[in-house]
N, C-alpha and C. Protein backbone atom coordinates (compact mmCIF):
# COMPACT_ATOMS: atom_id res chain seq x y z
N MET A 1 72.60 148.40 -147.60
CA MET A 1 72.27 149.78 -147.41
C MET A 1 72.60 150.61 -148.62
N SER A 2 72.71 150.00 -149.76
CA SER A 2 73.14 150.77 -150.91
C SER A 2 72.31 150.46 -152.13
N VAL A 3 72.36 151.35 -153.08
CA VAL A 3 71.68 151.14 -154.34
C VAL A 3 72.69 151.28 -155.44
N GLY A 4 72.83 150.29 -156.30
CA GLY A 4 73.74 150.39 -157.42
C GLY A 4 73.00 150.82 -158.66
N ASN A 5 72.06 150.04 -159.11
CA ASN A 5 71.15 150.46 -160.17
C ASN A 5 69.86 149.67 -160.04
N LEU A 6 68.99 149.76 -160.98
CA LEU A 6 67.65 149.19 -160.82
C LEU A 6 67.61 147.69 -161.05
N THR A 7 68.72 147.09 -161.44
CA THR A 7 68.71 145.65 -161.70
C THR A 7 69.67 144.94 -160.77
N GLY A 8 69.81 145.44 -159.57
CA GLY A 8 70.83 144.92 -158.67
C GLY A 8 70.36 143.81 -157.76
N ASN A 9 71.21 143.52 -156.78
CA ASN A 9 70.99 142.47 -155.80
C ASN A 9 70.48 143.13 -154.52
N THR A 10 69.39 142.64 -153.95
CA THR A 10 68.71 143.36 -152.87
C THR A 10 68.91 142.68 -151.52
N GLN A 11 69.18 143.50 -150.49
CA GLN A 11 69.19 143.04 -149.12
C GLN A 11 68.48 144.09 -148.30
N ILE A 12 67.91 143.69 -147.15
CA ILE A 12 67.26 144.65 -146.27
C ILE A 12 67.97 144.63 -144.93
N HIS A 13 68.31 145.80 -144.42
CA HIS A 13 68.99 145.93 -143.14
C HIS A 13 68.09 146.68 -142.17
N HIS A 14 67.94 146.17 -140.96
CA HIS A 14 67.18 146.86 -139.93
C HIS A 14 68.16 147.46 -138.93
N LEU A 15 68.03 148.75 -138.68
CA LEU A 15 68.88 149.39 -137.70
C LEU A 15 68.35 149.14 -136.30
N ASP A 16 69.25 148.98 -135.35
CA ASP A 16 68.88 148.93 -133.95
C ASP A 16 68.25 150.27 -133.57
N PRO A 17 67.06 150.26 -132.94
CA PRO A 17 66.41 151.53 -132.57
C PRO A 17 67.30 152.42 -131.73
N GLY A 18 68.28 151.82 -131.04
CA GLY A 18 69.16 152.64 -130.21
C GLY A 18 70.10 153.51 -131.00
N ILE A 19 70.35 153.18 -132.25
CA ILE A 19 71.28 153.99 -133.03
C ILE A 19 70.62 154.65 -134.21
N GLY A 20 69.34 154.48 -134.38
CA GLY A 20 68.65 155.16 -135.48
C GLY A 20 67.57 154.28 -136.07
N LYS A 21 66.32 154.68 -135.97
CA LYS A 21 65.24 153.86 -136.48
C LYS A 21 65.20 153.90 -137.99
N GLY A 22 64.92 152.77 -138.59
CA GLY A 22 64.74 152.78 -140.03
C GLY A 22 65.04 151.45 -140.67
N ILE A 23 64.74 151.37 -141.93
CA ILE A 23 65.06 150.21 -142.74
C ILE A 23 65.90 150.71 -143.90
N TYR A 24 66.96 150.01 -144.21
CA TYR A 24 67.79 150.39 -145.33
C TYR A 24 67.68 149.32 -146.40
N ALA A 25 67.37 149.74 -147.58
CA ALA A 25 67.30 148.81 -148.70
C ALA A 25 68.61 148.86 -149.45
N GLN A 26 69.20 147.70 -149.68
CA GLN A 26 70.49 147.64 -150.37
C GLN A 26 70.32 147.04 -151.75
N PHE A 27 70.81 147.75 -152.73
CA PHE A 27 70.84 147.26 -154.10
C PHE A 27 72.25 147.49 -154.63
N THR A 28 72.87 146.48 -155.16
CA THR A 28 74.21 146.63 -155.70
C THR A 28 74.19 146.27 -157.17
N SER A 29 74.66 147.17 -158.01
CA SER A 29 74.66 146.91 -159.44
C SER A 29 75.63 145.79 -159.77
N SER A 30 75.36 145.08 -160.86
CA SER A 30 76.27 144.02 -161.28
C SER A 30 77.65 144.59 -161.57
N ARG A 31 77.70 145.81 -162.09
CA ARG A 31 78.97 146.45 -162.38
C ARG A 31 79.75 146.72 -161.10
N ALA A 32 79.03 147.05 -160.02
CA ALA A 32 79.70 147.43 -158.78
C ALA A 32 79.81 146.28 -157.80
N ARG A 33 79.19 145.13 -158.08
CA ARG A 33 79.06 144.09 -157.07
C ARG A 33 80.38 143.59 -156.54
N LEU A 34 81.34 143.29 -157.42
CA LEU A 34 82.62 142.77 -156.97
C LEU A 34 83.34 143.80 -156.12
N HIS A 35 83.33 145.06 -156.58
CA HIS A 35 83.97 146.13 -155.83
C HIS A 35 83.28 146.29 -154.48
N HIS A 36 81.97 146.22 -154.46
CA HIS A 36 81.19 146.40 -153.24
C HIS A 36 81.50 145.29 -152.23
N GLN A 37 81.54 144.06 -152.68
CA GLN A 37 81.78 142.94 -151.78
C GLN A 37 83.20 142.98 -151.22
N ARG A 38 84.11 143.50 -152.01
CA ARG A 38 85.50 143.54 -151.58
C ARG A 38 85.74 144.67 -150.59
N LYS A 39 85.04 145.80 -150.76
CA LYS A 39 85.38 147.00 -150.01
C LYS A 39 84.38 147.36 -148.93
N VAL A 40 83.10 147.23 -149.18
CA VAL A 40 82.08 147.73 -148.27
C VAL A 40 81.61 146.61 -147.35
N ARG A 41 82.03 146.64 -146.08
CA ARG A 41 81.65 145.59 -145.15
C ARG A 41 80.48 146.02 -144.27
N MET A 42 80.51 147.22 -143.75
CA MET A 42 79.41 147.81 -143.00
C MET A 42 78.84 146.89 -141.93
N LEU A 43 79.67 146.44 -141.02
CA LEU A 43 79.17 145.58 -139.95
C LEU A 43 78.45 146.40 -138.87
N TYR A 44 78.84 147.66 -138.74
CA TYR A 44 78.23 148.51 -137.73
C TYR A 44 77.95 149.87 -138.35
N ILE A 45 76.72 150.32 -138.24
CA ILE A 45 76.32 151.57 -138.87
C ILE A 45 75.72 152.50 -137.81
N PRO A 46 76.56 153.22 -137.09
CA PRO A 46 76.03 154.16 -136.10
C PRO A 46 75.46 155.39 -136.77
N CYS A 47 74.31 155.83 -136.28
CA CYS A 47 73.69 157.06 -136.79
C CYS A 47 74.12 158.20 -135.89
N MET A 48 74.86 159.17 -136.46
CA MET A 48 75.47 160.22 -135.65
C MET A 48 75.25 161.58 -136.30
N LYS A 49 75.20 162.60 -135.49
CA LYS A 49 75.12 163.95 -136.03
C LYS A 49 76.54 164.44 -136.36
N VAL A 50 76.61 165.47 -137.18
CA VAL A 50 77.92 166.03 -137.55
C VAL A 50 78.26 167.09 -136.50
N GLY A 51 78.61 166.61 -135.33
CA GLY A 51 79.01 167.48 -134.23
C GLY A 51 80.47 167.26 -133.88
N GLN A 52 81.05 168.17 -133.16
CA GLN A 52 82.48 168.11 -132.87
C GLN A 52 82.86 166.82 -132.16
N ASN A 53 82.14 166.46 -131.10
CA ASN A 53 82.49 165.26 -130.34
C ASN A 53 82.26 163.99 -131.15
N ASP A 54 81.17 163.96 -131.92
CA ASP A 54 80.88 162.78 -132.74
C ASP A 54 81.96 162.58 -133.79
N VAL A 55 82.35 163.67 -134.44
CA VAL A 55 83.38 163.58 -135.48
C VAL A 55 84.71 163.15 -134.89
N LYS A 56 85.08 163.71 -133.74
CA LYS A 56 86.35 163.32 -133.10
C LYS A 56 86.35 161.84 -132.75
N ALA A 57 85.23 161.36 -132.24
CA ALA A 57 85.14 159.94 -131.88
C ALA A 57 85.36 159.05 -133.11
N LEU A 58 84.81 159.45 -134.24
CA LEU A 58 84.94 158.65 -135.46
C LEU A 58 86.35 158.69 -136.03
N ILE A 59 86.90 159.89 -136.18
CA ILE A 59 88.20 159.99 -136.87
C ILE A 59 89.34 159.46 -136.00
N ASN A 60 89.11 159.33 -134.69
CA ASN A 60 90.16 158.79 -133.81
C ASN A 60 90.10 157.27 -133.66
N LEU A 61 89.16 156.63 -134.36
CA LEU A 61 89.14 155.16 -134.35
C LEU A 61 90.39 154.61 -135.02
N GLU A 62 90.84 153.47 -134.53
CA GLU A 62 91.97 152.80 -135.19
C GLU A 62 91.53 152.35 -136.58
N GLU A 63 92.49 152.23 -137.49
CA GLU A 63 92.17 151.89 -138.88
C GLU A 63 91.42 150.57 -138.98
N HIS A 64 91.81 149.57 -138.20
CA HIS A 64 91.14 148.27 -138.31
C HIS A 64 89.70 148.34 -137.82
N ARG A 65 89.40 149.30 -136.94
CA ARG A 65 88.02 149.48 -136.49
C ARG A 65 87.22 150.27 -137.52
N LYS A 66 87.87 151.22 -138.19
CA LYS A 66 87.18 151.97 -139.24
C LYS A 66 86.70 151.05 -140.36
N GLU A 67 87.42 149.96 -140.57
CA GLU A 67 87.02 149.02 -141.61
C GLU A 67 85.69 148.34 -141.30
N LEU A 68 85.29 148.35 -140.04
CA LEU A 68 84.05 147.70 -139.63
C LEU A 68 82.91 148.68 -139.41
N VAL A 69 83.20 149.97 -139.48
CA VAL A 69 82.21 151.00 -139.18
C VAL A 69 81.95 151.84 -140.43
N SER A 70 80.68 151.98 -140.77
CA SER A 70 80.27 152.90 -141.83
C SER A 70 79.25 153.85 -141.23
N PRO A 71 79.71 154.99 -140.73
CA PRO A 71 78.78 155.88 -140.02
C PRO A 71 77.74 156.50 -140.94
N LEU A 72 76.54 156.60 -140.44
CA LEU A 72 75.49 157.37 -141.11
C LEU A 72 75.47 158.74 -140.45
N LEU A 73 75.99 159.73 -141.17
CA LEU A 73 76.04 161.09 -140.64
C LEU A 73 74.77 161.83 -141.00
N ASN A 74 74.11 162.34 -139.99
CA ASN A 74 72.89 163.11 -140.17
C ASN A 74 73.30 164.58 -140.12
N MET A 75 73.37 165.24 -141.29
CA MET A 75 73.94 166.57 -141.35
C MET A 75 73.13 167.58 -140.55
N ARG A 76 73.78 168.14 -139.58
CA ARG A 76 73.32 169.26 -138.79
C ARG A 76 74.54 169.78 -138.07
N GLY A 77 74.60 171.02 -137.81
CA GLY A 77 75.78 171.55 -137.14
C GLY A 77 76.64 172.38 -138.07
N LYS A 78 77.92 172.47 -137.73
CA LYS A 78 78.82 173.39 -138.40
C LYS A 78 79.60 172.71 -139.53
N GLU A 79 79.85 173.50 -140.58
CA GLU A 79 80.55 172.96 -141.74
C GLU A 79 81.98 172.56 -141.40
N ARG A 80 82.61 173.25 -140.46
CA ARG A 80 84.00 172.90 -140.13
C ARG A 80 84.08 171.50 -139.54
N ASN A 81 83.06 171.08 -138.80
CA ASN A 81 83.06 169.71 -138.26
C ASN A 81 82.95 168.70 -139.40
N LEU A 82 82.12 169.01 -140.38
CA LEU A 82 81.99 168.13 -141.54
C LEU A 82 83.31 168.05 -142.29
N ASN A 83 83.97 169.19 -142.49
CA ASN A 83 85.26 169.19 -143.20
C ASN A 83 86.31 168.40 -142.46
N ASP A 84 86.32 168.50 -141.13
CA ASP A 84 87.26 167.70 -140.33
C ASP A 84 87.05 166.21 -140.59
N PHE A 85 85.78 165.81 -140.64
CA PHE A 85 85.49 164.40 -140.90
C PHE A 85 85.96 163.99 -142.29
N LEU A 86 85.62 164.77 -143.30
CA LEU A 86 85.95 164.41 -144.68
C LEU A 86 87.45 164.27 -144.89
N VAL A 87 88.22 165.13 -144.24
CA VAL A 87 89.67 165.11 -144.40
C VAL A 87 90.30 163.93 -143.67
N ASN A 88 89.75 163.57 -142.51
CA ASN A 88 90.43 162.61 -141.63
C ASN A 88 89.82 161.22 -141.58
N TRP A 89 88.67 161.00 -142.23
CA TRP A 89 88.03 159.69 -142.16
C TRP A 89 88.78 158.64 -142.98
N GLY A 90 89.38 159.05 -144.05
CA GLY A 90 90.14 158.12 -144.87
C GLY A 90 89.28 157.44 -145.91
N ASN A 91 89.80 156.35 -146.44
CA ASN A 91 89.17 155.65 -147.56
C ASN A 91 88.22 154.56 -147.07
N HIS A 92 87.26 154.98 -146.27
CA HIS A 92 86.29 154.04 -145.70
C HIS A 92 84.88 154.55 -146.04
N PRO A 93 83.95 153.67 -146.35
CA PRO A 93 82.60 154.11 -146.71
C PRO A 93 81.91 154.85 -145.56
N TYR A 94 81.19 155.88 -145.90
CA TYR A 94 80.37 156.60 -144.93
C TYR A 94 79.11 157.07 -145.65
N LEU A 95 78.03 157.17 -144.90
CA LEU A 95 76.74 157.57 -145.46
C LEU A 95 76.40 158.98 -144.99
N MET A 96 75.74 159.75 -145.85
CA MET A 96 75.39 161.12 -145.50
C MET A 96 73.93 161.40 -145.81
N ASP A 97 73.22 161.86 -144.77
CA ASP A 97 71.85 162.31 -144.92
C ASP A 97 71.77 163.73 -144.37
N VAL A 98 70.63 164.37 -144.55
CA VAL A 98 70.42 165.73 -144.05
C VAL A 98 69.26 165.68 -143.07
N SER A 99 69.48 166.19 -141.88
CA SER A 99 68.45 166.14 -140.84
C SER A 99 67.17 166.84 -141.29
N ARG A 100 66.03 166.21 -140.98
CA ARG A 100 64.73 166.82 -141.25
C ARG A 100 64.07 167.30 -139.96
N SER A 101 64.80 167.24 -138.87
CA SER A 101 64.25 167.69 -137.59
C SER A 101 64.00 169.19 -137.62
N PRO A 102 62.83 169.65 -137.15
CA PRO A 102 62.51 171.09 -137.20
C PRO A 102 63.57 171.97 -136.54
N GLN A 103 64.20 171.49 -135.46
CA GLN A 103 65.18 172.32 -134.78
C GLN A 103 66.52 172.37 -135.51
N ASP A 104 66.70 171.50 -136.51
CA ASP A 104 67.97 171.46 -137.23
C ASP A 104 67.94 172.18 -138.57
N ILE A 105 66.76 172.36 -139.15
CA ILE A 105 66.71 172.86 -140.52
C ILE A 105 67.16 174.31 -140.65
N ALA A 106 67.30 175.01 -139.51
CA ALA A 106 67.82 176.38 -139.55
C ALA A 106 69.34 176.42 -139.37
N ASP A 107 69.97 175.25 -139.19
CA ASP A 107 71.43 175.21 -139.06
C ASP A 107 72.10 175.80 -140.29
N GLU A 108 73.33 176.25 -140.11
CA GLU A 108 73.99 177.03 -141.15
C GLU A 108 74.08 176.31 -142.49
N VAL A 109 74.50 175.05 -142.51
CA VAL A 109 74.67 174.35 -143.78
C VAL A 109 73.31 174.09 -144.44
N ILE A 110 72.37 173.57 -143.68
CA ILE A 110 71.05 173.22 -144.23
C ILE A 110 70.33 174.46 -144.74
N ALA A 111 70.37 175.52 -143.94
CA ALA A 111 69.66 176.74 -144.32
C ALA A 111 70.37 177.48 -145.45
N GLU A 112 71.69 177.65 -145.33
CA GLU A 112 72.42 178.42 -146.35
C GLU A 112 72.40 177.74 -147.71
N ARG A 113 72.48 176.41 -147.71
CA ARG A 113 72.48 175.68 -148.98
C ARG A 113 71.08 175.28 -149.42
N ASP A 114 70.09 175.55 -148.57
CA ASP A 114 68.67 175.25 -148.88
C ASP A 114 68.54 173.78 -149.31
N LEU A 115 69.03 172.88 -148.47
CA LEU A 115 69.17 171.47 -148.85
C LEU A 115 67.84 170.72 -148.92
N HIS A 116 66.80 171.26 -148.33
CA HIS A 116 65.51 170.58 -148.39
C HIS A 116 64.58 171.15 -149.46
N ASN A 117 65.12 172.00 -150.29
CA ASN A 117 64.32 172.58 -151.37
C ASN A 117 64.07 171.49 -152.43
N PRO A 118 62.79 171.14 -152.71
CA PRO A 118 62.51 170.05 -153.66
C PRO A 118 62.63 170.45 -155.13
N ALA A 119 62.93 171.73 -155.39
CA ALA A 119 62.98 172.20 -156.77
C ALA A 119 63.97 171.38 -157.61
N ASN A 120 63.54 171.04 -158.82
CA ASN A 120 64.36 170.24 -159.74
C ASN A 120 64.86 168.97 -159.07
N HIS A 121 63.95 168.30 -158.35
CA HIS A 121 64.24 167.02 -157.72
C HIS A 121 65.40 167.13 -156.72
N PHE A 122 65.27 168.09 -155.81
CA PHE A 122 66.25 168.31 -154.74
C PHE A 122 67.64 168.59 -155.31
N GLU A 123 67.68 169.48 -156.28
CA GLU A 123 68.94 169.78 -156.96
C GLU A 123 70.00 170.32 -155.99
N ASN A 124 69.61 171.19 -155.05
CA ASN A 124 70.59 171.74 -154.11
C ASN A 124 71.27 170.64 -153.30
N LYS A 125 70.49 169.68 -152.85
CA LYS A 125 71.06 168.57 -152.08
C LYS A 125 71.97 167.73 -152.96
N ARG A 126 71.57 167.48 -154.19
CA ARG A 126 72.39 166.66 -155.08
C ARG A 126 73.73 167.34 -155.39
N ILE A 127 73.70 168.64 -155.61
CA ILE A 127 74.94 169.38 -155.87
C ILE A 127 75.85 169.32 -154.64
N TRP A 128 75.26 169.51 -153.48
CA TRP A 128 76.03 169.47 -152.23
C TRP A 128 76.69 168.11 -152.02
N LEU A 129 75.95 167.05 -152.27
CA LEU A 129 76.51 165.70 -152.13
C LEU A 129 77.66 165.47 -153.11
N THR A 130 77.52 165.96 -154.31
CA THR A 130 78.60 165.83 -155.29
C THR A 130 79.84 166.57 -154.83
N GLU A 131 79.66 167.72 -154.22
CA GLU A 131 80.79 168.48 -153.68
C GLU A 131 81.48 167.70 -152.55
N LEU A 132 80.70 167.05 -151.71
CA LEU A 132 81.29 166.23 -150.64
C LEU A 132 82.12 165.10 -151.23
N LYS A 133 81.63 164.52 -152.30
CA LYS A 133 82.33 163.41 -152.95
C LYS A 133 83.71 163.83 -153.44
N THR A 134 83.85 165.08 -153.88
CA THR A 134 85.16 165.54 -154.35
C THR A 134 86.15 165.65 -153.19
N GLN A 135 85.65 165.82 -151.98
CA GLN A 135 86.53 165.91 -150.81
C GLN A 135 86.86 164.53 -150.24
N ASN A 136 85.91 163.62 -150.32
CA ASN A 136 86.14 162.24 -149.87
C ASN A 136 85.21 161.34 -150.68
N ASN A 137 85.78 160.63 -151.64
CA ASN A 137 84.94 159.89 -152.60
C ASN A 137 84.44 158.55 -152.09
N SER A 138 84.55 158.31 -150.79
CA SER A 138 83.95 157.10 -150.21
C SER A 138 82.49 157.33 -149.81
N LEU A 139 81.97 158.46 -150.20
CA LEU A 139 80.60 158.85 -149.83
C LEU A 139 79.54 157.94 -150.44
N ILE A 140 78.57 157.55 -149.61
CA ILE A 140 77.35 156.89 -150.04
C ILE A 140 76.21 157.82 -149.68
N PRO A 141 75.64 158.52 -150.66
CA PRO A 141 74.56 159.46 -150.33
C PRO A 141 73.29 158.72 -149.92
N VAL A 142 72.53 159.34 -149.04
CA VAL A 142 71.31 158.74 -148.51
C VAL A 142 70.10 159.49 -149.05
N VAL A 143 69.12 158.73 -149.51
CA VAL A 143 67.83 159.29 -149.92
C VAL A 143 66.83 159.00 -148.82
N SER A 144 66.25 160.05 -148.27
CA SER A 144 65.20 159.90 -147.25
C SER A 144 64.12 160.92 -147.55
N TRP A 145 62.98 160.76 -146.92
CA TRP A 145 61.87 161.65 -147.22
C TRP A 145 60.88 161.69 -146.06
N LEU A 146 60.06 162.72 -146.08
CA LEU A 146 58.93 162.83 -145.17
C LEU A 146 57.67 162.41 -145.90
N ASP A 147 56.64 162.08 -145.15
CA ASP A 147 55.37 161.69 -145.76
C ASP A 147 54.80 162.81 -146.62
N THR A 148 55.19 164.05 -146.31
CA THR A 148 54.66 165.19 -147.04
C THR A 148 55.44 165.50 -148.32
N ASP A 149 56.56 164.84 -148.56
CA ASP A 149 57.34 165.09 -149.77
C ASP A 149 56.64 164.51 -150.99
N ASN A 150 56.84 165.15 -152.12
CA ASN A 150 56.29 164.65 -153.38
C ASN A 150 57.07 163.41 -153.80
N SER A 151 56.38 162.29 -153.97
CA SER A 151 57.07 161.03 -154.26
C SER A 151 57.83 161.08 -155.59
N ARG A 152 57.30 161.81 -156.56
CA ARG A 152 57.99 161.91 -157.84
C ARG A 152 59.35 162.59 -157.68
N ASP A 153 59.41 163.66 -156.87
CA ASP A 153 60.68 164.34 -156.63
C ASP A 153 61.68 163.42 -155.95
N VAL A 154 61.20 162.63 -154.99
CA VAL A 154 62.09 161.71 -154.27
C VAL A 154 62.62 160.64 -155.22
N ILE A 155 61.76 160.06 -156.03
CA ILE A 155 62.19 159.00 -156.96
C ILE A 155 63.14 159.55 -158.01
N GLN A 156 62.84 160.73 -158.55
CA GLN A 156 63.72 161.31 -159.55
C GLN A 156 65.06 161.71 -158.94
N GLN A 157 65.03 162.17 -157.70
CA GLN A 157 66.29 162.45 -157.00
C GLN A 157 67.15 161.19 -156.94
N THR A 158 66.52 160.08 -156.62
CA THR A 158 67.24 158.81 -156.53
C THR A 158 67.85 158.43 -157.87
N ARG A 159 67.07 158.52 -158.92
CA ARG A 159 67.57 158.17 -160.25
C ARG A 159 68.73 159.07 -160.67
N LEU A 160 68.65 160.34 -160.35
CA LEU A 160 69.71 161.27 -160.73
C LEU A 160 70.98 161.02 -159.91
N LEU A 161 70.82 160.67 -158.64
CA LEU A 161 71.99 160.35 -157.84
C LEU A 161 72.71 159.11 -158.37
N LEU A 162 71.93 158.17 -158.89
CA LEU A 162 72.52 156.95 -159.44
C LEU A 162 73.39 157.22 -160.66
N THR A 163 73.23 158.37 -161.29
CA THR A 163 74.10 158.73 -162.41
C THR A 163 75.42 159.31 -161.93
N GLU A 164 75.48 159.73 -160.66
CA GLU A 164 76.68 160.36 -160.12
C GLU A 164 77.44 159.46 -159.14
N PHE A 165 76.73 158.50 -158.54
CA PHE A 165 77.33 157.66 -157.50
C PHE A 165 77.13 156.19 -157.85
N GLU A 166 78.15 155.40 -157.57
CA GLU A 166 78.06 153.96 -157.82
C GLU A 166 77.15 153.27 -156.81
N THR A 167 77.11 153.81 -155.60
CA THR A 167 76.32 153.22 -154.52
C THR A 167 75.57 154.32 -153.80
N ILE A 168 74.28 154.12 -153.54
CA ILE A 168 73.52 155.03 -152.69
C ILE A 168 72.72 154.20 -151.70
N ALA A 169 72.18 154.87 -150.69
CA ALA A 169 71.35 154.20 -149.68
C ALA A 169 69.98 154.83 -149.64
N ILE A 170 68.98 154.02 -149.36
CA ILE A 170 67.61 154.50 -149.18
C ILE A 170 67.26 154.34 -147.71
N ARG A 171 66.94 155.44 -147.07
CA ARG A 171 66.62 155.43 -145.64
C ARG A 171 65.12 155.55 -145.48
N VAL A 172 64.52 154.53 -144.89
CA VAL A 172 63.08 154.51 -144.68
C VAL A 172 62.81 154.62 -143.19
N ILE A 173 62.15 155.68 -142.80
CA ILE A 173 61.83 155.89 -141.39
C ILE A 173 60.33 155.71 -141.22
N CYS A 174 59.94 154.71 -140.45
CA CYS A 174 58.52 154.38 -140.30
C CYS A 174 58.14 154.30 -138.84
N THR A 175 56.85 154.34 -138.61
CA THR A 175 56.33 154.18 -137.26
C THR A 175 56.49 152.71 -136.83
N PRO A 176 56.52 152.44 -135.53
CA PRO A 176 56.65 151.04 -135.06
C PRO A 176 55.54 150.13 -135.58
N GLU A 177 54.31 150.69 -135.71
CA GLU A 177 53.20 149.90 -136.23
C GLU A 177 53.30 149.85 -137.75
N ILE A 178 53.04 148.67 -138.31
CA ILE A 178 53.16 148.51 -139.77
C ILE A 178 51.88 149.00 -140.44
N THR A 179 51.60 150.27 -140.25
CA THR A 179 50.41 150.89 -140.84
C THR A 179 50.73 152.35 -141.12
N GLY A 180 49.84 153.03 -141.81
CA GLY A 180 49.95 154.47 -141.99
C GLY A 180 50.71 154.87 -143.23
N ALA A 181 50.82 156.20 -143.40
CA ALA A 181 51.40 156.76 -144.61
C ALA A 181 52.86 156.40 -144.80
N SER A 182 53.63 156.30 -143.70
CA SER A 182 55.05 155.99 -143.83
C SER A 182 55.27 154.63 -144.48
N TRP A 183 54.51 153.63 -144.03
CA TRP A 183 54.68 152.28 -144.56
C TRP A 183 54.14 152.17 -145.98
N THR A 184 53.02 152.83 -146.24
CA THR A 184 52.48 152.81 -147.60
C THR A 184 53.45 153.47 -148.57
N GLY A 185 54.02 154.59 -148.14
CA GLY A 185 54.96 155.32 -148.99
C GLY A 185 56.22 154.54 -149.26
N GLN A 186 56.79 153.89 -148.23
CA GLN A 186 58.05 153.16 -148.45
C GLN A 186 57.82 151.97 -149.36
N SER A 187 56.68 151.32 -149.26
CA SER A 187 56.39 150.19 -150.15
C SER A 187 56.30 150.65 -151.59
N ALA A 188 55.60 151.75 -151.81
CA ALA A 188 55.46 152.28 -153.18
C ALA A 188 56.80 152.74 -153.73
N PHE A 189 57.64 153.28 -152.85
CA PHE A 189 58.92 153.81 -153.30
C PHE A 189 59.91 152.69 -153.65
N LEU A 190 59.96 151.66 -152.81
CA LEU A 190 60.96 150.61 -153.01
C LEU A 190 60.61 149.64 -154.12
N THR A 191 59.33 149.47 -154.42
CA THR A 191 58.92 148.49 -155.43
C THR A 191 59.63 148.65 -156.77
N PRO A 192 59.77 149.87 -157.32
CA PRO A 192 60.44 150.00 -158.62
C PRO A 192 61.91 149.60 -158.60
N TYR A 193 62.53 149.53 -157.38
CA TYR A 193 63.95 149.25 -157.29
C TYR A 193 64.26 147.79 -157.01
N ARG A 194 63.23 146.99 -156.86
CA ARG A 194 63.48 145.57 -156.62
C ARG A 194 63.98 144.93 -157.92
N PRO A 195 64.96 144.04 -157.80
CA PRO A 195 65.48 143.40 -159.01
C PRO A 195 64.44 142.51 -159.67
N GLN A 196 64.45 142.48 -160.98
CA GLN A 196 63.52 141.64 -161.74
C GLN A 196 64.05 140.22 -161.81
N LYS A 197 63.15 139.24 -161.68
CA LYS A 197 63.56 137.85 -161.81
C LYS A 197 63.84 137.54 -163.28
N THR A 198 64.88 136.74 -163.49
CA THR A 198 65.24 136.39 -164.88
C THR A 198 65.02 134.91 -165.13
């Protein structure tokens, strides 16, 4: 579920539809590979919103259980709930995305920070993710997109995040049928990130 750089080692993870539909492409850079294998286990990846009850459930897990869980937080809700998570989650990997649901985009954090603004390759979102990293540096930022997003902005966002983060994740949300714009788009997007044979 991570991207290290463009010459990394690739794995594909399918999420259980019960916890979040999607495919995650994992790429780990040679520089980060040993660190990644030692630290990032990610046996269970629940997709959760940044809500009070969700955050409490996560931060109250025992330490040995946190080692097996890497939550995918879909940002929506209040900033104080996010801050509670960042302070109390500890040194365990967690993934962060921003909800694209129409009912969520008016939420205080998404709206105030204008996180879906594509200007300068989603600069607002990239700055926000960097700020989260300063509060808890176990962050793995998530790149996701809608069919209507400009593919160049999405790809450039990914490349720019790779200059700030050792590991990132690509979240591909597609229809159940292997047809249509979602599948065509994800194939075009992931192809440049596949490792080259040597």
